[in-house]
Amino acid sequence: MPLESKLIILGQMHYAMERGDLTIKEVEKLEELLGVGLKNYRQAMEYAVFGYVEAE
């Protein structure tokens, strides 16, 4: 599966979690199965949400 597809699915999973359709634990398990998670894309998420990446 292309990485872009995995990232789209990841976004949908987190949207479902925000709506209350999935729990945090369910999302974590699905991220593990998918092999992609926000912990792997922290900087990309910061940029998407805040428009910049904070220096560490």
N, C-alpha and C. Protein backbone atom coordinates (compact mmCIF):
# COMPACT_ATOMS: atom_id res chain seq x y z
N MET A 1 0.85 -1.17 0.00
CA MET A 1 0.00 0.00 0.00
C MET A 1 0.90 1.24 0.00
N PRO A 2 0.64 2.19 -0.86
CA PRO A 2 1.46 3.41 -0.89
C PRO A 2 1.37 4.18 0.43
N LEU A 3 2.46 4.84 0.79
CA LEU A 3 2.52 5.61 2.03
C LEU A 3 1.41 6.66 2.08
N GLU A 4 1.15 7.31 0.95
CA GLU A 4 0.11 8.33 0.92
C GLU A 4 -1.24 7.76 1.33
N SER A 5 -1.53 6.54 0.89
CA SER A 5 -2.78 5.88 1.25
C SER A 5 -2.83 5.61 2.75
N LYS A 6 -1.71 5.17 3.30
CA LYS A 6 -1.65 4.90 4.73
C LYS A 6 -1.88 6.17 5.53
N LEU A 7 -1.32 7.29 5.07
CA LEU A 7 -1.49 8.55 5.78
C LEU A 7 -2.93 9.04 5.71
N ILE A 8 -3.60 8.81 4.60
CA ILE A 8 -5.02 9.18 4.50
C ILE A 8 -5.84 8.34 5.48
N ILE A 9 -5.57 7.05 5.53
CA ILE A 9 -6.27 6.17 6.47
C ILE A 9 -5.99 6.62 7.90
N LEU A 10 -4.74 6.96 8.19
CA LEU A 10 -4.37 7.43 9.52
C LEU A 10 -5.18 8.67 9.90
N GLY A 11 -5.33 9.60 8.98
CA GLY A 11 -6.12 10.79 9.24
C GLY A 11 -7.57 10.45 9.52
N GLN A 12 -8.12 9.51 8.76
CA GLN A 12 -9.51 9.10 8.97
C GLN A 12 -9.68 8.42 10.33
N MET A 13 -8.69 7.64 10.74
CA MET A 13 -8.76 6.98 12.05
C MET A 13 -8.79 8.01 13.16
N HIS A 14 -7.96 9.03 13.05
CA HIS A 14 -7.91 10.06 14.09
C HIS A 14 -9.17 10.92 14.08
N TYR A 15 -9.73 11.13 12.92
CA TYR A 15 -11.00 11.84 12.84
C TYR A 15 -12.10 11.02 13.53
N ALA A 16 -12.11 9.71 13.29
CA ALA A 16 -13.08 8.83 13.94
C ALA A 16 -12.89 8.84 15.46
N MET A 17 -11.64 8.94 15.91
CA MET A 17 -11.38 9.00 17.34
C MET A 17 -11.93 10.31 17.92
N GLU A 18 -11.73 11.42 17.21
CA GLU A 18 -12.25 12.70 17.68
C GLU A 18 -13.77 12.68 17.77
N ARG A 19 -14.42 11.98 16.85
CA ARG A 19 -15.88 11.89 16.84
C ARG A 19 -16.39 10.93 17.92
N GLY A 20 -15.51 10.10 18.47
CA GLY A 20 -15.91 9.15 19.48
C GLY A 20 -16.26 7.78 18.91
N ASP A 21 -15.99 7.57 17.62
CA ASP A 21 -16.27 6.29 16.99
C ASP A 21 -15.21 5.24 17.31
N LEU A 22 -14.00 5.68 17.62
CA LEU A 22 -12.90 4.80 18.01
C LEU A 22 -12.28 5.31 19.30
N THR A 23 -11.76 4.39 20.10
CA THR A 23 -11.04 4.79 21.31
C THR A 23 -9.57 5.00 20.98
N ILE A 24 -8.85 5.62 21.89
CA ILE A 24 -7.41 5.83 21.70
C ILE A 24 -6.71 4.48 21.55
N LYS A 25 -7.08 3.52 22.38
CA LYS A 25 -6.46 2.19 22.32
C LYS A 25 -6.73 1.51 20.98
N GLU A 26 -7.94 1.65 20.46
CA GLU A 26 -8.27 1.07 19.15
C GLU A 26 -7.42 1.72 18.05
N VAL A 27 -7.27 3.03 18.11
CA VAL A 27 -6.46 3.73 17.10
C VAL A 27 -5.00 3.29 17.20
N GLU A 28 -4.49 3.17 18.41
CA GLU A 28 -3.10 2.73 18.59
C GLU A 28 -2.89 1.34 17.99
N LYS A 29 -3.85 0.44 18.21
CA LYS A 29 -3.74 -0.91 17.66
C LYS A 29 -3.81 -0.88 16.13
N LEU A 30 -4.72 -0.07 15.57
CA LEU A 30 -4.82 0.06 14.12
C LEU A 30 -3.56 0.68 13.52
N GLU A 31 -2.98 1.66 14.21
CA GLU A 31 -1.71 2.25 13.75
C GLU A 31 -0.62 1.19 13.68
N GLU A 32 -0.58 0.34 14.70
CA GLU A 32 0.41 -0.73 14.73
C GLU A 32 0.22 -1.69 13.56
N LEU A 33 -1.03 -2.08 13.31
CA LEU A 33 -1.33 -2.98 12.19
C LEU A 33 -0.99 -2.33 10.84
N LEU A 34 -1.25 -1.03 10.73
CA LEU A 34 -0.99 -0.30 9.50
C LEU A 34 0.50 -0.03 9.30
N GLY A 35 1.24 -0.02 10.42
CA GLY A 35 2.68 0.26 10.34
C GLY A 35 2.98 1.74 10.21
N VAL A 36 2.00 2.58 10.51
CA VAL A 36 2.15 4.03 10.43
C VAL A 36 1.40 4.63 11.60
N GLY A 37 2.04 5.59 12.28
CA GLY A 37 1.36 6.25 13.38
C GLY A 37 1.86 7.66 13.55
N LEU A 38 1.14 8.44 14.32
CA LEU A 38 1.53 9.83 14.52
C LEU A 38 2.88 9.95 15.21
N LYS A 39 3.24 8.96 16.02
CA LYS A 39 4.55 9.02 16.68
C LYS A 39 5.67 9.02 15.64
N ASN A 40 5.41 8.45 14.46
CA ASN A 40 6.39 8.43 13.38
C ASN A 40 6.39 9.73 12.59
N TYR A 41 5.34 10.52 12.73
CA TYR A 41 5.17 11.72 11.91
C TYR A 41 4.87 12.95 12.75
N ARG A 42 5.53 13.05 13.92
CA ARG A 42 5.29 14.15 14.85
C ARG A 42 5.52 15.50 14.18
N GLN A 43 6.67 15.66 13.49
CA GLN A 43 6.98 16.94 12.85
C GLN A 43 5.97 17.28 11.76
N ALA A 44 5.58 16.31 10.97
CA ALA A 44 4.60 16.56 9.92
C ALA A 44 3.27 16.98 10.52
N MET A 45 2.86 16.36 11.62
CA MET A 45 1.61 16.72 12.27
C MET A 45 1.69 18.14 12.85
N GLU A 46 2.82 18.48 13.48
CA GLU A 46 2.98 19.84 14.00
C GLU A 46 2.86 20.86 12.88
N TYR A 47 3.47 20.59 11.77
CA TYR A 47 3.40 21.53 10.65
C TYR A 47 1.96 21.63 10.12
N ALA A 48 1.29 20.50 10.01
CA ALA A 48 -0.09 20.49 9.50
C ALA A 48 -1.03 21.24 10.43
N VAL A 49 -0.82 21.13 11.74
CA VAL A 49 -1.71 21.74 12.71
C VAL A 49 -1.36 23.20 12.99
N PHE A 50 -0.05 23.45 13.19
CA PHE A 50 0.39 24.77 13.63
C PHE A 50 1.01 25.63 12.53
N GLY A 51 1.40 25.00 11.42
CA GLY A 51 2.02 25.76 10.32
C GLY A 51 3.52 25.92 10.46
N TYR A 52 4.08 25.34 11.51
CA TYR A 52 5.53 25.37 11.72
C TYR A 52 5.90 24.21 12.64
N VAL A 53 7.21 23.93 12.69
CA VAL A 53 7.72 22.88 13.57
C VAL A 53 8.55 23.56 14.65
N GLU A 54 8.24 23.27 15.90
CA GLU A 54 9.01 23.84 17.00
C GLU A 54 10.39 23.21 17.06
N ALA A 55 11.40 24.04 17.33
CA ALA A 55 12.77 23.55 17.47
C ALA A 55 12.89 22.79 18.78
N GLU A 56 13.67 21.72 18.74
CA GLU A 56 13.84 20.92 19.97
C GLU A 56 15.05 21.38 20.74
